[in-house]
Amino acid sequence: MVRFKHRYFTVEVIPGHKPNSHSFKLKSQDLHQCLLNTVQKLHGDYGIAAVLGGFKAKYCNPVTRLGVIRVRHGPHRLVASCLPIVKSIKDTPVSIRTLYTGASLKHCFKFAVKHQKQALMKMWNSLANEGMRQMVKNSIMDLSVFRELETNIEIPAEFRGEQEPVI
């Protein structure tokens, strides 16, 4: 039996300078289809055949616009070359920035937690009251999809909605 190695890209989707760019909602299906179309344009039938085997957009957070893409090891170079070329998703001008490339979903999860905590800290002081802070924290730190993707990832108690023990 052969083991397939994968590579995971953690990417940030930055919407273009449109007045309604704040209403842009990132969905994993849209990201998946957009990247497949770009691979088809850039690398042709060979590229699409090589990538399709293990390609999937695993996670997209519509608030922070953070996404995780899974690709088989080898054809991941084809996808990596296509990421900066993407100019629009569903007729919305965007640019995609690769933040992290990892060999496991667990390491991408750790990076996503760190990155989203930094995004939360940037917004924290500008929020008016504690209710708004909790709402933004819950939406930004929504990493429950990772729990469904891979069961051996240990999610900290603060993100599961549980209280940490006081020592």
N, C-alpha and C. Protein backbone atom coordinates (compact mmCIF):
# COMPACT_ATOMS: atom_id res chain seq x y z
N MET A 1 0.84 -1.18 0.00
CA MET A 1 0.00 0.00 0.00
C MET A 1 0.88 1.24 0.00
N VAL A 2 0.49 2.21 -0.77
CA VAL A 2 1.28 3.42 -0.94
C VAL A 2 0.66 4.55 -0.13
N ARG A 3 1.51 5.28 0.54
CA ARG A 3 1.05 6.42 1.33
C ARG A 3 1.19 7.68 0.49
N PHE A 4 0.11 8.44 0.42
CA PHE A 4 0.14 9.70 -0.31
C PHE A 4 0.48 10.83 0.65
N LYS A 5 1.52 11.56 0.33
CA LYS A 5 1.89 12.71 1.12
C LYS A 5 1.12 13.92 0.60
N HIS A 6 0.79 14.80 1.50
CA HIS A 6 0.07 16.01 1.14
C HIS A 6 0.85 17.23 1.61
N ARG A 7 0.54 18.35 1.01
CA ARG A 7 1.02 19.64 1.46
C ARG A 7 -0.21 20.52 1.67
N TYR A 8 -0.13 21.33 2.69
CA TYR A 8 -1.24 22.21 3.05
C TYR A 8 -0.77 23.66 2.94
N PHE A 9 -1.53 24.45 2.20
CA PHE A 9 -1.24 25.87 2.07
C PHE A 9 -2.22 26.64 2.93
N THR A 10 -1.71 27.51 3.78
CA THR A 10 -2.55 28.44 4.51
C THR A 10 -2.44 29.76 3.77
N VAL A 11 -3.58 30.24 3.26
CA VAL A 11 -3.58 31.43 2.42
C VAL A 11 -4.52 32.48 2.99
N GLU A 12 -4.25 33.72 2.63
CA GLU A 12 -5.11 34.83 2.98
C GLU A 12 -5.66 35.41 1.68
N VAL A 13 -6.98 35.52 1.60
CA VAL A 13 -7.63 36.08 0.42
C VAL A 13 -7.94 37.54 0.72
N ILE A 14 -7.34 38.43 -0.03
CA ILE A 14 -7.49 39.87 0.19
C ILE A 14 -8.40 40.43 -0.91
N PRO A 15 -9.60 40.93 -0.56
CA PRO A 15 -10.48 41.46 -1.59
C PRO A 15 -9.95 42.77 -2.16
N GLY A 16 -10.36 43.07 -3.40
CA GLY A 16 -9.92 44.28 -4.08
C GLY A 16 -10.53 45.52 -3.46
N HIS A 17 -10.18 46.67 -3.98
CA HIS A 17 -10.63 47.95 -3.44
C HIS A 17 -11.98 48.33 -4.04
N LYS A 18 -13.00 47.65 -3.59
CA LYS A 18 -14.36 47.99 -4.00
C LYS A 18 -15.12 48.46 -2.78
N PRO A 19 -16.13 49.28 -2.97
CA PRO A 19 -16.91 49.74 -1.81
C PRO A 19 -17.61 48.59 -1.07
N ASN A 20 -17.97 47.53 -1.78
CA ASN A 20 -18.68 46.43 -1.12
C ASN A 20 -17.76 45.26 -0.82
N SER A 21 -16.45 45.49 -0.71
CA SER A 21 -15.53 44.38 -0.46
C SER A 21 -15.71 43.81 0.94
N HIS A 22 -16.28 44.59 1.86
CA HIS A 22 -16.52 44.05 3.20
C HIS A 22 -17.65 43.02 3.19
N SER A 23 -18.46 43.01 2.14
CA SER A 23 -19.55 42.05 2.06
C SER A 23 -19.11 40.77 1.35
N PHE A 24 -17.87 40.70 0.92
CA PHE A 24 -17.36 39.50 0.24
C PHE A 24 -17.23 38.36 1.24
N LYS A 25 -17.93 37.28 1.00
CA LYS A 25 -17.88 36.10 1.86
C LYS A 25 -17.11 35.00 1.15
N LEU A 26 -16.06 34.54 1.76
CA LEU A 26 -15.22 33.50 1.19
C LEU A 26 -15.82 32.13 1.51
N LYS A 27 -16.01 31.33 0.48
CA LYS A 27 -16.51 29.96 0.64
C LYS A 27 -15.47 29.01 0.06
N SER A 28 -15.35 27.84 0.69
CA SER A 28 -14.33 26.89 0.24
C SER A 28 -14.61 26.39 -1.17
N GLN A 29 -15.89 26.25 -1.56
CA GLN A 29 -16.21 25.78 -2.91
C GLN A 29 -15.74 26.80 -3.95
N ASP A 30 -15.93 28.08 -3.67
CA ASP A 30 -15.51 29.13 -4.60
C ASP A 30 -13.99 29.15 -4.75
N LEU A 31 -13.28 29.04 -3.63
CA LEU A 31 -11.82 29.02 -3.67
C LEU A 31 -11.32 27.80 -4.43
N HIS A 32 -11.93 26.66 -4.19
CA HIS A 32 -11.58 25.40 -4.85
C HIS A 32 -11.72 25.55 -6.37
N GLN A 33 -12.88 26.02 -6.82
CA GLN A 33 -13.15 26.13 -8.25
C GLN A 33 -12.25 27.17 -8.91
N CYS A 34 -12.01 28.27 -8.23
CA CYS A 34 -11.16 29.32 -8.78
C CYS A 34 -9.74 28.81 -8.99
N LEU A 35 -9.21 28.08 -8.01
CA LEU A 35 -7.85 27.56 -8.14
C LEU A 35 -7.75 26.51 -9.24
N LEU A 36 -8.78 25.66 -9.37
CA LEU A 36 -8.76 24.67 -10.45
C LEU A 36 -8.79 25.36 -11.82
N ASN A 37 -9.58 26.41 -11.95
CA ASN A 37 -9.61 27.15 -13.21
C ASN A 37 -8.27 27.79 -13.52
N THR A 38 -7.59 28.30 -12.51
CA THR A 38 -6.29 28.93 -12.71
C THR A 38 -5.23 27.90 -13.08
N VAL A 39 -5.28 26.72 -12.45
CA VAL A 39 -4.34 25.65 -12.81
C VAL A 39 -4.59 25.23 -14.25
N GLN A 40 -5.84 25.14 -14.66
CA GLN A 40 -6.19 24.76 -16.03
C GLN A 40 -5.62 25.78 -17.03
N LYS A 41 -5.78 27.06 -16.72
CA LYS A 41 -5.28 28.11 -17.63
C LYS A 41 -3.76 28.12 -17.71
N LEU A 42 -3.10 27.93 -16.57
CA LEU A 42 -1.66 28.07 -16.53
C LEU A 42 -0.92 26.80 -16.97
N HIS A 43 -1.40 25.63 -16.53
CA HIS A 43 -0.67 24.39 -16.77
C HIS A 43 -1.40 23.42 -17.69
N GLY A 44 -2.60 23.75 -18.11
CA GLY A 44 -3.32 22.93 -19.08
C GLY A 44 -3.84 21.62 -18.51
N ASP A 45 -4.04 20.67 -19.41
CA ASP A 45 -4.60 19.38 -19.01
C ASP A 45 -3.67 18.60 -18.10
N TYR A 46 -2.37 18.71 -18.34
CA TYR A 46 -1.41 18.03 -17.46
C TYR A 46 -1.55 18.53 -16.02
N GLY A 47 -1.62 19.83 -15.85
CA GLY A 47 -1.72 20.41 -14.51
C GLY A 47 -2.99 20.00 -13.80
N ILE A 48 -4.11 20.05 -14.51
CA ILE A 48 -5.38 19.71 -13.86
C ILE A 48 -5.42 18.23 -13.50
N ALA A 49 -4.85 17.37 -14.36
CA ALA A 49 -4.82 15.94 -14.07
C ALA A 49 -3.92 15.63 -12.88
N ALA A 50 -2.81 16.33 -12.78
CA ALA A 50 -1.88 16.10 -11.68
C ALA A 50 -2.46 16.58 -10.35
N VAL A 51 -3.16 17.69 -10.37
CA VAL A 51 -3.64 18.32 -9.14
C VAL A 51 -4.91 17.66 -8.62
N LEU A 52 -5.79 17.22 -9.50
CA LEU A 52 -7.11 16.75 -9.08
C LEU A 52 -7.11 15.60 -8.09
N GLY A 53 -6.05 14.80 -8.05
CA GLY A 53 -6.02 13.63 -7.19
C GLY A 53 -6.27 13.90 -5.72
N GLY A 54 -5.65 14.87 -5.15
CA GLY A 54 -5.80 15.12 -3.72
C GLY A 54 -6.10 16.56 -3.40
N PHE A 55 -6.66 17.30 -4.33
CA PHE A 55 -6.88 18.73 -4.16
C PHE A 55 -8.20 19.01 -3.47
N LYS A 56 -8.14 19.86 -2.44
CA LYS A 56 -9.37 20.25 -1.75
C LYS A 56 -9.11 21.52 -0.94
N ALA A 57 -10.08 22.42 -0.98
CA ALA A 57 -10.03 23.58 -0.09
C ALA A 57 -10.67 23.12 1.21
N LYS A 58 -9.88 22.96 2.26
CA LYS A 58 -10.34 22.33 3.49
C LYS A 58 -11.08 23.27 4.43
N TYR A 59 -10.66 24.53 4.48
CA TYR A 59 -11.17 25.43 5.51
C TYR A 59 -11.15 26.85 4.97
N CYS A 60 -12.22 27.58 5.21
CA CYS A 60 -12.26 29.00 4.87
C CYS A 60 -12.99 29.73 5.99
N ASN A 61 -12.37 30.77 6.52
CA ASN A 61 -13.00 31.61 7.53
C ASN A 61 -13.44 32.89 6.84
N PRO A 62 -14.77 33.13 6.72
CA PRO A 62 -15.22 34.31 5.99
C PRO A 62 -14.90 35.63 6.70
N VAL A 63 -14.62 35.60 7.99
CA VAL A 63 -14.32 36.84 8.72
C VAL A 63 -12.88 37.27 8.49
N THR A 64 -11.94 36.37 8.72
CA THR A 64 -10.53 36.71 8.54
C THR A 64 -10.04 36.40 7.13
N ARG A 65 -10.87 35.74 6.33
CA ARG A 65 -10.55 35.35 4.96
C ARG A 65 -9.29 34.50 4.88
N LEU A 66 -9.20 33.58 5.83
CA LEU A 66 -8.09 32.64 5.90
C LEU A 66 -8.56 31.31 5.33
N GLY A 67 -7.76 30.68 4.51
CA GLY A 67 -8.14 29.41 3.91
C GLY A 67 -7.00 28.41 3.98
N VAL A 68 -7.37 27.11 4.02
CA VAL A 68 -6.39 26.04 4.01
C VAL A 68 -6.71 25.15 2.82
N ILE A 69 -5.68 24.88 2.01
CA ILE A 69 -5.83 24.10 0.79
C ILE A 69 -4.94 22.88 0.91
N ARG A 70 -5.52 21.70 0.57
CA ARG A 70 -4.75 20.46 0.60
C ARG A 70 -4.44 20.02 -0.84
N VAL A 71 -3.18 19.67 -1.08
CA VAL A 71 -2.73 19.20 -2.40
C VAL A 71 -1.73 18.07 -2.18
N ARG A 72 -1.70 17.12 -3.10
CA ARG A 72 -0.71 16.06 -3.01
C ARG A 72 0.70 16.63 -3.17
N HIS A 73 1.65 15.97 -2.51
CA HIS A 73 3.05 16.37 -2.62
C HIS A 73 3.53 16.09 -4.04
N GLY A 74 4.16 17.05 -4.65
CA GLY A 74 4.59 16.95 -6.05
C GLY A 74 3.81 17.97 -6.86
N PRO A 75 2.50 17.70 -7.09
CA PRO A 75 1.70 18.71 -7.80
C PRO A 75 1.45 19.97 -6.98
N HIS A 76 1.87 19.98 -5.71
CA HIS A 76 1.68 21.18 -4.90
C HIS A 76 2.47 22.36 -5.49
N ARG A 77 3.52 22.06 -6.23
CA ARG A 77 4.29 23.13 -6.86
C ARG A 77 3.47 23.82 -7.95
N LEU A 78 2.62 23.06 -8.64
CA LEU A 78 1.76 23.65 -9.67
C LEU A 78 0.75 24.61 -9.04
N VAL A 79 0.17 24.19 -7.91
CA VAL A 79 -0.81 25.04 -7.22
C VAL A 79 -0.11 26.26 -6.63
N ALA A 80 1.08 26.06 -6.07
CA ALA A 80 1.82 27.19 -5.48
C ALA A 80 2.15 28.24 -6.54
N SER A 81 2.42 27.80 -7.76
CA SER A 81 2.72 28.77 -8.81
C SER A 81 1.46 29.51 -9.27
N CYS A 82 0.29 28.95 -9.02
CA CYS A 82 -0.97 29.58 -9.44
C CYS A 82 -1.54 30.54 -8.40
N LEU A 83 -1.17 30.40 -7.16
CA LEU A 83 -1.77 31.23 -6.10
C LEU A 83 -1.58 32.73 -6.33
N PRO A 84 -0.40 33.23 -6.68
CA PRO A 84 -0.28 34.67 -6.88
C PRO A 84 -0.97 35.19 -8.14
N ILE A 85 -1.31 34.30 -9.05
CA ILE A 85 -1.90 34.69 -10.33
C ILE A 85 -3.40 34.92 -10.24
N VAL A 86 -4.05 34.36 -9.23
CA VAL A 86 -5.51 34.49 -9.09
C VAL A 86 -5.86 35.96 -8.93
N LYS A 87 -6.77 36.43 -9.77
CA LYS A 87 -7.17 37.84 -9.74
C LYS A 87 -8.62 38.05 -9.31
N SER A 88 -9.46 37.01 -9.40
CA SER A 88 -10.85 37.19 -8.99
C SER A 88 -11.45 35.86 -8.56
N ILE A 89 -12.36 35.96 -7.60
CA ILE A 89 -13.17 34.82 -7.17
C ILE A 89 -14.61 35.27 -7.28
N LYS A 90 -15.37 34.57 -8.12
CA LYS A 90 -16.78 34.90 -8.34
C LYS A 90 -16.97 36.37 -8.70
N ASP A 91 -16.21 36.85 -9.67
CA ASP A 91 -16.29 38.22 -10.19
C ASP A 91 -15.96 39.29 -9.15
N THR A 92 -15.30 38.90 -8.08
CA THR A 92 -14.81 39.86 -7.08
C THR A 92 -13.30 39.90 -7.19
N PRO A 93 -12.71 41.06 -7.45
CA PRO A 93 -11.25 41.12 -7.55
C PRO A 93 -10.59 40.82 -6.20
N VAL A 94 -9.66 39.88 -6.22
CA VAL A 94 -8.95 39.47 -5.01
C VAL A 94 -7.48 39.26 -5.33
N SER A 95 -6.70 39.16 -4.29
CA SER A 95 -5.33 38.66 -4.41
C SER A 95 -5.15 37.64 -3.29
N ILE A 96 -4.40 36.61 -3.60
CA ILE A 96 -4.18 35.53 -2.63
C ILE A 96 -2.72 35.58 -2.20
N ARG A 97 -2.54 35.59 -0.89
CA ARG A 97 -1.20 35.63 -0.31
C ARG A 97 -0.96 34.34 0.45
N THR A 98 0.11 33.64 0.13
CA THR A 98 0.46 32.41 0.83
C THR A 98 1.12 32.78 2.15
N LEU A 99 0.53 32.32 3.25
CA LEU A 99 1.06 32.62 4.57
C LEU A 99 1.96 31.51 5.09
N TYR A 100 1.59 30.26 4.81
CA TYR A 100 2.31 29.13 5.40
C TYR A 100 2.11 27.91 4.52
N THR A 101 3.15 27.11 4.35
CA THR A 101 3.06 25.82 3.67
C THR A 101 3.53 24.77 4.64
N GLY A 102 2.68 23.78 4.89
CA GLY A 102 3.02 22.76 5.87
C GLY A 102 2.75 21.36 5.36
N ALA A 103 3.32 20.40 6.06
CA ALA A 103 3.16 19.00 5.68
C ALA A 103 2.01 18.33 6.42
N SER A 104 1.44 19.00 7.41
CA SER A 104 0.32 18.40 8.14
C SER A 104 -0.72 19.45 8.47
N LEU A 105 -1.93 18.99 8.61
CA LEU A 105 -3.02 19.88 8.97
C LEU A 105 -2.85 20.41 10.38
N LYS A 106 -2.19 19.64 11.23
CA LYS A 106 -1.95 20.06 12.60
C LYS A 106 -1.07 21.30 12.66
N HIS A 107 -0.03 21.36 11.84
CA HIS A 107 0.84 22.53 11.84
C HIS A 107 0.12 23.73 11.22
N CYS A 108 -0.71 23.49 10.23
CA CYS A 108 -1.50 24.60 9.67
C CYS A 108 -2.48 25.12 10.70
N PHE A 109 -3.03 24.23 11.52
CA PHE A 109 -3.93 24.65 12.59
C PHE A 109 -3.20 25.54 13.59
N LYS A 110 -2.01 25.14 13.98
CA LYS A 110 -1.22 25.95 14.92
C LYS A 110 -0.93 27.32 14.33
N PHE A 111 -0.58 27.35 13.06
CA PHE A 111 -0.31 28.63 12.42
C PHE A 111 -1.57 29.47 12.34
N ALA A 112 -2.71 28.85 12.01
CA ALA A 112 -3.98 29.58 11.90
C ALA A 112 -4.38 30.18 13.24
N VAL A 113 -4.18 29.44 14.32
CA VAL A 113 -4.50 29.96 15.66
C VAL A 113 -3.64 31.19 15.94
N LYS A 114 -2.37 31.09 15.66
CA LYS A 114 -1.45 32.21 15.91
C LYS A 114 -1.83 33.42 15.05
N HIS A 115 -2.11 33.19 13.79
CA HIS A 115 -2.45 34.28 12.87
C HIS A 115 -3.77 34.94 13.26
N GLN A 116 -4.78 34.15 13.63
CA GLN A 116 -6.07 34.71 13.97
C GLN A 116 -6.05 35.40 15.32
N LYS A 117 -5.20 34.96 16.23
CA LYS A 117 -5.03 35.69 17.49
C LYS A 117 -4.44 37.06 17.23
N GLN A 118 -3.50 37.15 16.31
CA GLN A 118 -2.92 38.45 15.97
C GLN A 118 -3.96 39.36 15.34
N ALA A 119 -4.82 38.79 14.48
CA ALA A 119 -5.89 39.59 13.87
C ALA A 119 -6.87 40.08 14.93
N LEU A 120 -7.16 39.23 15.91
CA LEU A 120 -8.06 39.61 16.99
C LEU A 120 -7.47 40.73 17.84
N MET A 121 -6.18 40.64 18.13
CA MET A 121 -5.53 41.67 18.95
C MET A 121 -5.52 43.03 18.25
N LYS A 122 -5.42 43.03 16.91
CA LYS A 122 -5.45 44.29 16.17
C LYS A 122 -6.81 44.97 16.28
N MET A 123 -7.87 44.16 16.36
CA MET A 123 -9.23 44.70 16.39
C MET A 123 -9.73 44.95 17.80
N TRP A 124 -9.11 44.37 18.80
CA TRP A 124 -9.65 44.32 20.16
C TRP A 124 -9.92 45.70 20.76
N ASN A 125 -8.98 46.61 20.68
CA ASN A 125 -9.13 47.92 21.31
C ASN A 125 -10.14 48.82 20.61
N SER A 126 -10.41 48.55 19.35
CA SER A 126 -11.36 49.39 18.61
C SER A 126 -12.82 48.99 18.87
N LEU A 127 -13.05 47.89 19.57
CA LEU A 127 -14.42 47.44 19.84
C LEU A 127 -14.97 48.14 21.07
N ALA A 128 -16.24 48.49 21.01
CA ALA A 128 -16.85 49.36 22.01
C ALA A 128 -17.06 48.68 23.37
N ASN A 129 -17.71 47.52 23.38
CA ASN A 129 -18.05 46.92 24.68
C ASN A 129 -17.68 45.43 24.69
N GLU A 130 -17.91 44.82 25.85
CA GLU A 130 -17.53 43.42 26.03
C GLU A 130 -18.37 42.48 25.16
N GLY A 131 -19.62 42.82 24.93
CA GLY A 131 -20.48 42.00 24.07
C GLY A 131 -19.97 41.95 22.64
N MET A 132 -19.56 43.10 22.12
CA MET A 132 -18.99 43.16 20.77
C MET A 132 -17.68 42.38 20.72
N ARG A 133 -16.88 42.49 21.78
CA ARG A 133 -15.60 41.77 21.81
C ARG A 133 -15.80 40.27 21.77
N GLN A 134 -16.76 39.77 22.54
CA GLN A 134 -17.04 38.33 22.55
C GLN A 134 -17.57 37.86 21.20
N MET A 135 -18.42 38.67 20.56
CA MET A 135 -18.97 38.29 19.26
C MET A 135 -17.86 38.21 18.21
N VAL A 136 -16.96 39.19 18.20
CA VAL A 136 -15.86 39.19 17.24
C VAL A 136 -14.89 38.05 17.55
N LYS A 137 -14.63 37.80 18.82
CA LYS A 137 -13.74 36.71 19.20
C LYS A 137 -14.30 35.37 18.74
N ASN A 138 -15.60 35.16 18.92
CA ASN A 138 -16.21 33.90 18.50
C ASN A 138 -16.17 33.73 16.99
N SER A 139 -16.38 34.81 16.24
CA SER A 139 -16.37 34.68 14.79
C SER A 139 -14.96 34.51 14.23
N ILE A 140 -13.99 35.22 14.78
CA ILE A 140 -12.62 35.11 14.28
C ILE A 140 -11.99 33.79 14.70
N MET A 141 -12.21 33.38 15.91
CA MET A 141 -11.56 32.17 16.41
C MET A 141 -12.40 30.91 16.19
N ASP A 142 -13.26 30.92 15.19
CA ASP A 142 -14.07 29.75 14.86
C ASP A 142 -13.19 28.74 14.13
N LEU A 143 -12.60 27.85 14.88
CA LEU A 143 -11.72 26.82 14.33
C LEU A 143 -12.34 25.44 14.50
N SER A 144 -13.65 25.39 14.63
CA SER A 144 -14.32 24.11 14.85
C SER A 144 -14.22 23.21 13.63
N VAL A 145 -14.02 23.79 12.46
CA VAL A 145 -13.91 22.98 11.24
C VAL A 145 -12.67 22.10 11.31
N PHE A 146 -11.61 22.58 11.93
CA PHE A 146 -10.40 21.76 12.07
C PHE A 146 -10.69 20.52 12.90
N ARG A 147 -11.55 20.62 13.90
CA ARG A 147 -11.89 19.47 14.74
C ARG A 147 -12.55 18.39 13.89
N GLU A 148 -13.38 18.79 12.94
CA GLU A 148 -14.06 17.83 12.09
C GLU A 148 -13.10 17.25 11.05
N LEU A 149 -12.11 18.02 10.63
CA LEU A 149 -11.21 17.57 9.59
C LEU A 149 -10.25 16.50 10.07
N GLU A 150 -9.68 16.69 11.21
CA GLU A 150 -8.71 15.75 11.71
C GLU A 150 -8.90 15.62 13.21
N THR A 151 -9.25 14.44 13.67
CA THR A 151 -9.65 14.27 15.06
C THR A 151 -8.47 14.27 16.02
N ASN A 152 -7.24 14.10 15.56
CA ASN A 152 -6.12 14.05 16.49
C ASN A 152 -5.53 15.42 16.79
N ILE A 153 -6.15 16.49 16.32
CA ILE A 153 -5.69 17.83 16.65
C ILE A 153 -6.28 18.21 18.00
N GLU A 154 -5.43 18.61 18.90
CA GLU A 154 -5.89 19.04 20.22
C GLU A 154 -6.25 20.52 20.17
N ILE A 155 -7.53 20.81 20.34
CA ILE A 155 -8.00 22.20 20.31
C ILE A 155 -8.01 22.72 21.75
N PRO A 156 -7.37 23.87 21.98
CA PRO A 156 -7.34 24.42 23.34
C PRO A 156 -8.75 24.68 23.87
N ALA A 157 -8.88 24.63 25.20
CA ALA A 157 -10.18 24.76 25.85
C ALA A 157 -10.84 26.09 25.53
N GLU A 158 -10.07 27.14 25.36
CA GLU A 158 -10.66 28.46 25.10
C GLU A 158 -11.38 28.52 23.77
N PHE A 159 -11.03 27.63 22.82
CA PHE A 159 -11.68 27.63 21.52
C PHE A 159 -12.80 26.60 21.45
N ARG A 160 -12.86 25.68 22.41
CA ARG A 160 -13.96 24.72 22.46
C ARG A 160 -15.15 25.26 23.21
N GLY A 161 -15.01 26.42 23.82
CA GLY A 161 -16.10 26.98 24.59
C GLY A 161 -16.07 26.54 26.04
N GLU A 162 -15.02 25.87 26.43
CA GLU A 162 -14.89 25.40 27.80
C GLU A 162 -13.99 26.36 28.58
N GLN A 163 -14.13 26.33 29.87
CA GLN A 163 -13.30 27.16 30.72
C GLN A 163 -12.03 26.37 31.09
N GLU A 164 -10.91 27.05 31.06
CA GLU A 164 -9.67 26.41 31.50
C GLU A 164 -9.65 26.33 33.01
N PRO A 165 -9.08 25.27 33.57
CA PRO A 165 -9.02 25.17 35.02
C PRO A 165 -8.13 26.26 35.63
N VAL A 166 -8.59 26.81 36.72
CA VAL A 166 -7.84 27.85 37.41
C VAL A 166 -6.89 27.19 38.39
N ILE A 167 -5.61 27.51 38.28
CA ILE A 167 -4.60 26.88 39.14
C ILE A 167 -4.08 27.90 40.11
